[in-house]
């Protein structure tokens, strides 16, 4: 459970760092904004499924303003923290059935889903950083090791 919590803590931190970088861009965020919204909506999709709900109404690829992205990131963080706090270590290996966005049914363990959520975001944050490098010249530093070093910095 400790590793899952740590991976999710990195996810929350990386989302906040990326939001700081997005705020510095001009209003036209285009691909970057769509990719970040996709990350956040995918987090919401999986949270909804983990809670036993349907995610069919959620659309993965749309544009959104920065205020909406910030709110979605905060809401997702609170939702996942509440969900994970309610889990026992043994719950991570429990499997459940859910439908993907196309309605196809699958079974996965809670552990695999939470790992997927953390890694899926990393993949797309890499795409965002590549786009930031092309557009603004500087990506946002999001490496896990940077996050882990925050524990060593007083008042971080």
N, C-alpha and C. Protein backbone atom coordinates (compact mmCIF):
# COMPACT_ATOMS: atom_id res chain seq x y z
N UNK A 1 0.83 -1.20 0.00
CA UNK A 1 0.00 0.00 0.00
C UNK A 1 0.87 1.26 0.00
N UNK A 2 2.01 1.18 0.66
CA UNK A 2 2.90 2.33 0.76
C UNK A 2 3.37 2.79 -0.63
N UNK A 3 3.69 1.84 -1.50
CA UNK A 3 4.15 2.19 -2.85
C UNK A 3 3.02 2.84 -3.65
N UNK A 4 1.82 2.29 -3.54
CA UNK A 4 0.67 2.88 -4.23
C UNK A 4 0.46 4.31 -3.75
N UNK A 5 0.47 4.51 -2.45
CA UNK A 5 0.27 5.87 -1.91
C UNK A 5 1.36 6.82 -2.42
N UNK A 6 2.59 6.34 -2.45
CA UNK A 6 3.70 7.19 -2.90
C UNK A 6 3.55 7.53 -4.39
N UNK A 7 3.17 6.56 -5.19
CA UNK A 7 2.95 6.82 -6.61
C UNK A 7 1.84 7.85 -6.81
N UNK A 8 0.78 7.72 -6.04
CA UNK A 8 -0.33 8.66 -6.16
C UNK A 8 0.07 10.04 -5.64
N UNK A 9 0.87 10.10 -4.58
CA UNK A 9 1.35 11.40 -4.09
C UNK A 9 2.19 12.09 -5.17
N UNK A 10 2.98 11.30 -5.88
CA UNK A 10 3.75 11.88 -7.00
C UNK A 10 2.80 12.39 -8.07
N UNK A 11 1.76 11.64 -8.37
CA UNK A 11 0.78 12.07 -9.37
C UNK A 11 0.17 13.42 -8.98
N UNK A 12 -0.26 13.56 -7.72
CA UNK A 12 -0.87 14.82 -7.28
C UNK A 12 0.13 15.97 -7.42
N UNK A 13 1.36 15.74 -6.99
CA UNK A 13 2.41 16.75 -7.08
C UNK A 13 2.68 17.13 -8.54
N UNK A 14 2.80 16.12 -9.40
CA UNK A 14 3.10 16.37 -10.82
C UNK A 14 1.96 17.16 -11.46
N UNK A 15 0.72 16.85 -11.12
CA UNK A 15 -0.40 17.63 -11.66
C UNK A 15 -0.30 19.09 -11.24
N UNK A 16 0.03 19.33 -9.98
CA UNK A 16 0.15 20.71 -9.48
C UNK A 16 1.30 21.45 -10.18
N UNK A 17 2.43 20.77 -10.34
CA UNK A 17 3.57 21.39 -11.01
C UNK A 17 3.24 21.72 -12.46
N UNK A 18 2.54 20.81 -13.13
CA UNK A 18 2.16 21.04 -14.51
C UNK A 18 1.18 22.20 -14.62
N UNK A 19 0.26 22.29 -13.69
CA UNK A 19 -0.67 23.42 -13.68
C UNK A 19 0.07 24.74 -13.55
N UNK A 20 1.12 24.78 -12.72
CA UNK A 20 1.93 26.00 -12.60
C UNK A 20 2.52 26.37 -13.97
N UNK A 21 3.03 25.37 -14.67
CA UNK A 21 3.60 25.61 -15.99
C UNK A 21 2.56 26.06 -17.00
N UNK A 22 1.37 25.48 -16.94
CA UNK A 22 0.31 25.85 -17.88
C UNK A 22 -0.17 27.27 -17.64
N UNK A 23 -0.19 27.71 -16.39
CA UNK A 23 -0.62 29.08 -16.08
C UNK A 23 0.29 30.12 -16.73
N UNK A 24 1.54 29.75 -16.98
CA UNK A 24 2.49 30.69 -17.57
C UNK A 24 2.36 30.79 -19.09
N UNK A 25 1.59 29.88 -19.69
CA UNK A 25 1.41 29.92 -21.14
C UNK A 25 0.38 30.96 -21.52
N UNK A 26 0.45 31.45 -22.77
CA UNK A 26 -0.64 32.31 -23.24
C UNK A 26 -1.95 31.52 -23.26
N UNK A 27 -3.05 32.19 -23.42
CA UNK A 27 -4.36 31.53 -23.37
C UNK A 27 -4.50 30.37 -24.35
N UNK A 28 -3.79 30.39 -25.46
CA UNK A 28 -3.91 29.33 -26.46
C UNK A 28 -3.05 28.15 -26.03
N UNK A 29 -3.67 27.16 -25.39
CA UNK A 29 -2.93 25.99 -24.90
C UNK A 29 -3.06 24.81 -25.85
N UNK A 30 -4.10 24.77 -26.67
CA UNK A 30 -4.27 23.76 -27.71
C UNK A 30 -4.03 22.34 -27.26
N UNK A 31 -3.09 21.69 -27.93
CA UNK A 31 -2.77 20.28 -27.67
C UNK A 31 -2.37 20.05 -26.21
N UNK A 32 -1.64 20.98 -25.64
CA UNK A 32 -1.17 20.84 -24.26
C UNK A 32 -2.35 20.78 -23.30
N UNK A 33 -3.30 21.68 -23.46
CA UNK A 33 -4.49 21.69 -22.62
C UNK A 33 -5.34 20.45 -22.79
N UNK A 34 -5.49 20.00 -24.05
CA UNK A 34 -6.28 18.78 -24.31
C UNK A 34 -5.62 17.56 -23.67
N UNK A 35 -4.30 17.47 -23.77
CA UNK A 35 -3.59 16.34 -23.16
C UNK A 35 -3.73 16.35 -21.64
N UNK A 36 -3.60 17.53 -21.03
CA UNK A 36 -3.71 17.58 -19.58
C UNK A 36 -5.14 17.27 -19.14
N UNK A 37 -6.12 17.79 -19.86
CA UNK A 37 -7.51 17.45 -19.52
C UNK A 37 -7.72 15.94 -19.66
N UNK A 38 -7.13 15.34 -20.69
CA UNK A 38 -7.25 13.89 -20.88
C UNK A 38 -6.72 13.14 -19.66
N UNK A 39 -5.57 13.56 -19.15
CA UNK A 39 -5.01 12.93 -17.95
C UNK A 39 -6.02 13.00 -16.81
N UNK A 40 -6.54 14.19 -16.57
CA UNK A 40 -7.45 14.40 -15.44
C UNK A 40 -8.77 13.67 -15.62
N UNK A 41 -9.30 13.66 -16.84
CA UNK A 41 -10.55 12.93 -17.07
C UNK A 41 -10.31 11.43 -16.95
N UNK A 42 -9.17 10.94 -17.42
CA UNK A 42 -8.86 9.52 -17.26
C UNK A 42 -8.78 9.16 -15.78
N UNK A 43 -8.19 10.03 -14.96
CA UNK A 43 -8.17 9.80 -13.51
C UNK A 43 -9.60 9.72 -12.98
N UNK A 44 -10.47 10.62 -13.45
CA UNK A 44 -11.86 10.63 -13.01
C UNK A 44 -12.59 9.38 -13.48
N UNK A 45 -12.34 8.96 -14.71
CA UNK A 45 -12.95 7.73 -15.24
C UNK A 45 -12.64 6.56 -14.33
N UNK A 46 -11.36 6.39 -13.99
CA UNK A 46 -10.98 5.24 -13.16
C UNK A 46 -11.51 5.37 -11.74
N UNK A 47 -11.53 6.57 -11.19
CA UNK A 47 -12.10 6.76 -9.85
C UNK A 47 -13.58 6.39 -9.85
N UNK A 48 -14.28 6.82 -10.88
CA UNK A 48 -15.71 6.50 -11.00
C UNK A 48 -15.92 5.00 -11.07
N UNK A 49 -15.11 4.32 -11.86
CA UNK A 49 -15.22 2.86 -11.97
C UNK A 49 -14.90 2.18 -10.64
N UNK A 50 -13.83 2.62 -9.99
CA UNK A 50 -13.44 2.02 -8.71
C UNK A 50 -14.55 2.17 -7.67
N UNK A 51 -15.30 3.25 -7.78
CA UNK A 51 -16.41 3.49 -6.85
C UNK A 51 -17.69 2.80 -7.29
N UNK A 52 -17.62 2.04 -8.39
CA UNK A 52 -18.78 1.27 -8.84
C UNK A 52 -19.70 1.99 -9.80
N UNK A 53 -19.30 3.16 -10.27
CA UNK A 53 -20.14 3.94 -11.18
C UNK A 53 -19.79 3.70 -12.63
N UNK A 54 -20.60 4.28 -13.50
CA UNK A 54 -20.36 4.22 -14.94
C UNK A 54 -19.61 5.47 -15.37
N UNK A 55 -18.65 5.28 -16.25
CA UNK A 55 -17.88 6.41 -16.77
C UNK A 55 -18.26 6.74 -18.20
N UNK A 56 -19.33 6.12 -18.71
CA UNK A 56 -19.71 6.27 -20.11
C UNK A 56 -19.98 7.72 -20.51
N UNK A 57 -20.43 8.54 -19.58
CA UNK A 57 -20.78 9.93 -19.89
C UNK A 57 -19.57 10.86 -19.96
N UNK A 58 -18.41 10.38 -19.58
CA UNK A 58 -17.21 11.22 -19.55
C UNK A 58 -16.50 11.17 -20.90
N UNK A 59 -16.19 12.33 -21.45
CA UNK A 59 -15.49 12.40 -22.73
C UNK A 59 -14.01 12.70 -22.48
N UNK A 60 -13.17 11.92 -23.12
CA UNK A 60 -11.74 11.96 -22.83
C UNK A 60 -10.97 13.06 -23.55
N UNK A 61 -11.46 13.53 -24.68
CA UNK A 61 -10.67 14.46 -25.48
C UNK A 61 -11.46 15.72 -25.80
N UNK A 62 -11.37 16.71 -24.93
CA UNK A 62 -11.98 18.01 -25.14
C UNK A 62 -11.05 19.09 -24.61
N UNK A 63 -11.36 20.33 -24.94
CA UNK A 63 -10.60 21.45 -24.39
C UNK A 63 -11.25 21.91 -23.09
N UNK A 64 -10.47 22.59 -22.28
CA UNK A 64 -10.97 23.08 -20.99
C UNK A 64 -10.15 24.29 -20.59
N UNK A 65 -10.76 25.19 -19.83
CA UNK A 65 -10.01 26.35 -19.34
C UNK A 65 -9.19 25.95 -18.12
N UNK A 66 -8.22 26.80 -17.78
CA UNK A 66 -7.28 26.48 -16.70
C UNK A 66 -7.98 26.34 -15.36
N UNK A 67 -9.00 27.16 -15.10
CA UNK A 67 -9.71 27.07 -13.82
C UNK A 67 -10.41 25.72 -13.69
N UNK A 68 -10.98 25.23 -14.77
CA UNK A 68 -11.64 23.92 -14.74
C UNK A 68 -10.64 22.80 -14.52
N UNK A 69 -9.46 22.92 -15.14
CA UNK A 69 -8.41 21.91 -14.95
C UNK A 69 -7.94 21.90 -13.50
N UNK A 70 -7.76 23.08 -12.93
CA UNK A 70 -7.33 23.17 -11.53
C UNK A 70 -8.36 22.53 -10.60
N UNK A 71 -9.62 22.80 -10.84
CA UNK A 71 -10.68 22.23 -9.99
C UNK A 71 -10.74 20.72 -10.14
N UNK A 72 -10.64 20.24 -11.37
CA UNK A 72 -10.68 18.80 -11.62
C UNK A 72 -9.50 18.10 -10.94
N UNK A 73 -8.32 18.69 -11.00
CA UNK A 73 -7.15 18.11 -10.34
C UNK A 73 -7.37 18.03 -8.83
N UNK A 74 -7.90 19.10 -8.24
CA UNK A 74 -8.17 19.10 -6.79
C UNK A 74 -9.22 18.04 -6.43
N UNK A 75 -10.29 17.99 -7.21
CA UNK A 75 -11.36 17.02 -6.95
C UNK A 75 -10.85 15.59 -7.06
N UNK A 76 -10.05 15.32 -8.11
CA UNK A 76 -9.49 13.98 -8.29
C UNK A 76 -8.61 13.59 -7.11
N UNK A 77 -7.76 14.51 -6.67
CA UNK A 77 -6.86 14.22 -5.55
C UNK A 77 -7.67 13.86 -4.30
N UNK A 78 -8.67 14.65 -3.99
CA UNK A 78 -9.50 14.37 -2.81
C UNK A 78 -10.21 13.04 -2.95
N UNK A 79 -10.71 12.75 -4.13
CA UNK A 79 -11.45 11.51 -4.37
C UNK A 79 -10.54 10.29 -4.19
N UNK A 80 -9.35 10.34 -4.80
CA UNK A 80 -8.42 9.20 -4.67
C UNK A 80 -7.92 9.03 -3.25
N UNK A 81 -7.62 10.13 -2.57
CA UNK A 81 -7.16 10.01 -1.18
C UNK A 81 -8.23 9.36 -0.32
N UNK A 82 -9.46 9.78 -0.49
CA UNK A 82 -10.57 9.20 0.28
C UNK A 82 -10.72 7.71 -0.05
N UNK A 83 -10.65 7.38 -1.34
CA UNK A 83 -10.80 5.98 -1.76
C UNK A 83 -9.66 5.12 -1.20
N UNK A 84 -8.43 5.56 -1.38
CA UNK A 84 -7.27 4.78 -0.93
C UNK A 84 -7.24 4.66 0.58
N UNK A 85 -7.62 5.72 1.29
CA UNK A 85 -7.67 5.66 2.76
C UNK A 85 -8.65 4.60 3.24
N UNK A 86 -9.64 4.28 2.44
CA UNK A 86 -10.63 3.27 2.81
C UNK A 86 -10.22 1.85 2.45
N UNK A 87 -9.06 1.68 1.82
CA UNK A 87 -8.61 0.35 1.41
C UNK A 87 -7.71 -0.29 2.46
N UNK A 88 -7.82 -1.59 2.57
CA UNK A 88 -6.84 -2.39 3.31
C UNK A 88 -5.85 -2.94 2.29
N UNK A 89 -4.68 -3.32 2.75
CA UNK A 89 -3.67 -3.89 1.85
C UNK A 89 -4.25 -5.04 1.04
N UNK A 90 -5.04 -5.90 1.67
CA UNK A 90 -5.61 -7.06 0.98
C UNK A 90 -6.61 -6.66 -0.11
N UNK A 91 -7.19 -5.47 -0.01
CA UNK A 91 -8.14 -5.01 -1.03
C UNK A 91 -7.48 -4.78 -2.38
N UNK A 92 -6.19 -4.49 -2.37
CA UNK A 92 -5.50 -4.18 -3.62
C UNK A 92 -5.55 -5.33 -4.62
N UNK A 93 -5.62 -6.55 -4.13
CA UNK A 93 -5.65 -7.71 -5.02
C UNK A 93 -7.06 -8.13 -5.42
N UNK A 94 -8.07 -7.45 -4.89
CA UNK A 94 -9.45 -7.74 -5.28
C UNK A 94 -9.67 -7.29 -6.72
N UNK A 95 -10.42 -8.09 -7.46
CA UNK A 95 -10.74 -7.72 -8.84
C UNK A 95 -12.21 -7.35 -8.93
N UNK A 96 -12.50 -6.55 -9.92
CA UNK A 96 -13.90 -6.22 -10.17
C UNK A 96 -14.09 -6.02 -11.66
N UNK A 97 -15.33 -6.08 -12.08
CA UNK A 97 -15.67 -5.92 -13.49
C UNK A 97 -16.12 -4.49 -13.74
N UNK A 98 -15.71 -3.97 -14.87
CA UNK A 98 -16.09 -2.62 -15.28
C UNK A 98 -16.18 -2.60 -16.80
N UNK A 99 -16.80 -1.57 -17.33
CA UNK A 99 -16.88 -1.40 -18.79
C UNK A 99 -16.00 -0.23 -19.19
N UNK A 100 -15.28 -0.39 -20.31
CA UNK A 100 -14.48 0.73 -20.80
C UNK A 100 -15.39 1.75 -21.48
N UNK A 101 -14.81 2.77 -22.06
CA UNK A 101 -15.61 3.84 -22.65
C UNK A 101 -16.42 3.36 -23.85
N UNK A 102 -16.05 2.22 -24.43
CA UNK A 102 -16.80 1.65 -25.55
C UNK A 102 -17.83 0.62 -25.09
N UNK A 103 -17.91 0.40 -23.78
CA UNK A 103 -18.88 -0.54 -23.24
C UNK A 103 -18.39 -1.98 -23.14
N UNK A 104 -17.13 -2.23 -23.48
CA UNK A 104 -16.57 -3.58 -23.41
C UNK A 104 -16.19 -3.87 -21.96
N UNK A 105 -16.57 -5.05 -21.48
CA UNK A 105 -16.34 -5.41 -20.07
C UNK A 105 -14.97 -6.05 -19.88
N UNK A 106 -14.36 -5.68 -18.76
CA UNK A 106 -13.06 -6.21 -18.35
C UNK A 106 -13.07 -6.47 -16.86
N UNK A 107 -12.07 -7.23 -16.40
CA UNK A 107 -11.84 -7.44 -14.96
C UNK A 107 -10.39 -7.07 -14.68
N UNK A 108 -10.18 -6.32 -13.62
CA UNK A 108 -8.82 -5.92 -13.22
C UNK A 108 -8.75 -5.83 -11.71
N UNK A 109 -7.52 -5.93 -11.19
CA UNK A 109 -7.35 -5.75 -9.75
C UNK A 109 -7.27 -4.25 -9.44
N UNK A 110 -7.62 -3.91 -8.22
CA UNK A 110 -7.52 -2.52 -7.77
C UNK A 110 -6.06 -2.06 -7.87
N UNK A 111 -5.14 -2.92 -7.50
CA UNK A 111 -3.70 -2.59 -7.57
C UNK A 111 -3.31 -2.21 -9.00
N UNK A 112 -3.71 -3.04 -9.97
CA UNK A 112 -3.35 -2.76 -11.36
C UNK A 112 -3.97 -1.46 -11.86
N UNK A 113 -5.18 -1.18 -11.44
CA UNK A 113 -5.83 0.06 -11.87
C UNK A 113 -5.12 1.27 -11.28
N UNK A 114 -4.79 1.23 -10.01
CA UNK A 114 -4.11 2.37 -9.39
C UNK A 114 -2.72 2.59 -9.99
N UNK A 115 -2.02 1.51 -10.29
CA UNK A 115 -0.72 1.63 -10.95
C UNK A 115 -0.91 2.22 -12.35
N UNK A 116 -1.93 1.74 -13.05
CA UNK A 116 -2.21 2.28 -14.39
C UNK A 116 -2.49 3.78 -14.33
N UNK A 117 -3.31 4.21 -13.37
CA UNK A 117 -3.64 5.63 -13.25
C UNK A 117 -2.36 6.45 -13.09
N UNK A 118 -1.47 6.01 -12.23
CA UNK A 118 -0.22 6.74 -11.99
C UNK A 118 0.66 6.76 -13.24
N UNK A 119 0.78 5.63 -13.92
CA UNK A 119 1.67 5.54 -15.09
C UNK A 119 1.06 6.20 -16.32
N UNK A 120 -0.24 6.12 -16.50
CA UNK A 120 -0.91 6.75 -17.64
C UNK A 120 -0.64 8.26 -17.63
N UNK A 121 -0.76 8.86 -16.46
CA UNK A 121 -0.49 10.29 -16.35
C UNK A 121 0.95 10.63 -16.70
N UNK A 122 1.88 9.79 -16.27
CA UNK A 122 3.29 10.04 -16.57
C UNK A 122 3.53 10.04 -18.07
N UNK A 123 2.93 9.09 -18.75
CA UNK A 123 3.09 8.99 -20.21
C UNK A 123 2.66 10.30 -20.88
N UNK A 124 1.48 10.76 -20.54
CA UNK A 124 0.96 11.97 -21.19
C UNK A 124 1.65 13.25 -20.69
N UNK A 125 2.11 13.27 -19.45
CA UNK A 125 2.88 14.43 -19.00
C UNK A 125 4.19 14.54 -19.80
N UNK A 126 4.74 13.41 -20.20
CA UNK A 126 5.91 13.42 -21.09
C UNK A 126 5.57 14.04 -22.44
N UNK A 127 4.40 13.70 -22.98
CA UNK A 127 3.95 14.31 -24.24
C UNK A 127 3.77 15.82 -24.07
N UNK A 128 3.19 16.21 -22.94
CA UNK A 128 2.98 17.64 -22.67
C UNK A 128 4.33 18.35 -22.60
N UNK A 129 5.29 17.76 -21.92
CA UNK A 129 6.60 18.39 -21.81
C UNK A 129 7.28 18.52 -23.17
N UNK A 130 7.09 17.54 -24.05
CA UNK A 130 7.65 17.65 -25.40
C UNK A 130 7.00 18.83 -26.13
N UNK A 131 5.69 18.98 -25.99
CA UNK A 131 4.98 20.10 -26.62
C UNK A 131 5.40 21.43 -25.99
N UNK A 132 5.59 21.45 -24.68
CA UNK A 132 6.06 22.68 -24.01
C UNK A 132 7.44 23.07 -24.52
N UNK A 133 8.29 22.09 -24.72
CA UNK A 133 9.64 22.37 -25.22
C UNK A 133 9.56 23.03 -26.60
N UNK A 134 8.66 22.51 -27.45
CA UNK A 134 8.49 23.07 -28.79
C UNK A 134 7.88 24.47 -28.73
N UNK A 135 6.90 24.66 -27.86
CA UNK A 135 6.13 25.91 -27.82
C UNK A 135 6.79 26.99 -26.96
N UNK A 136 7.23 26.63 -25.78
CA UNK A 136 7.71 27.63 -24.83
C UNK A 136 9.21 27.53 -24.54
N UNK A 137 9.82 26.45 -24.97
CA UNK A 137 11.24 26.29 -24.77
C UNK A 137 11.67 25.60 -23.50
N UNK A 138 10.74 25.46 -22.53
CA UNK A 138 11.16 24.81 -21.28
C UNK A 138 10.05 23.91 -20.74
N UNK A 139 10.39 22.63 -20.54
CA UNK A 139 9.43 21.70 -19.95
C UNK A 139 9.37 21.88 -18.43
N UNK A 140 8.38 21.26 -17.83
CA UNK A 140 8.22 21.29 -16.38
C UNK A 140 8.93 20.07 -15.80
N UNK A 141 9.77 20.26 -14.81
CA UNK A 141 10.51 19.15 -14.19
C UNK A 141 9.56 18.33 -13.32
N UNK A 142 9.31 17.08 -13.73
CA UNK A 142 8.32 16.24 -13.06
C UNK A 142 8.85 14.88 -12.65
N UNK A 143 10.15 14.67 -12.76
CA UNK A 143 10.70 13.35 -12.44
C UNK A 143 10.37 12.95 -11.00
N UNK A 144 10.13 11.66 -10.83
CA UNK A 144 9.82 11.15 -9.50
C UNK A 144 10.92 11.48 -8.50
N UNK A 145 12.17 11.38 -8.93
CA UNK A 145 13.27 11.61 -7.99
C UNK A 145 13.25 13.04 -7.46
N UNK A 146 12.83 13.99 -8.27
CA UNK A 146 12.70 15.37 -7.81
C UNK A 146 11.64 15.46 -6.72
N UNK A 147 10.53 14.78 -6.94
CA UNK A 147 9.47 14.72 -5.94
C UNK A 147 9.99 14.08 -4.65
N UNK A 148 10.73 13.00 -4.78
CA UNK A 148 11.21 12.28 -3.59
C UNK A 148 12.19 13.13 -2.78
N UNK A 149 12.91 14.00 -3.45
CA UNK A 149 13.87 14.86 -2.75
C UNK A 149 13.19 15.96 -1.94
N UNK A 150 11.93 16.23 -2.20
CA UNK A 150 11.22 17.26 -1.44
C UNK A 150 11.19 16.93 0.05
N UNK A 151 11.24 15.64 0.37
CA UNK A 151 11.27 15.22 1.78
C UNK A 151 12.53 15.70 2.49
N UNK A 152 13.58 15.95 1.71
CA UNK A 152 14.86 16.36 2.29
C UNK A 152 14.95 17.87 2.49
N UNK A 153 14.02 18.61 1.89
CA UNK A 153 14.06 20.07 1.94
C UNK A 153 13.19 20.56 3.09
N UNK A 154 13.75 21.31 4.01
CA UNK A 154 12.93 21.84 5.11
C UNK A 154 11.82 22.74 4.57
N UNK A 155 10.64 22.64 5.17
CA UNK A 155 9.48 23.45 4.80
C UNK A 155 9.02 23.25 3.37
N UNK A 156 9.18 22.06 2.82
CA UNK A 156 8.72 21.82 1.46
C UNK A 156 7.29 21.34 1.46
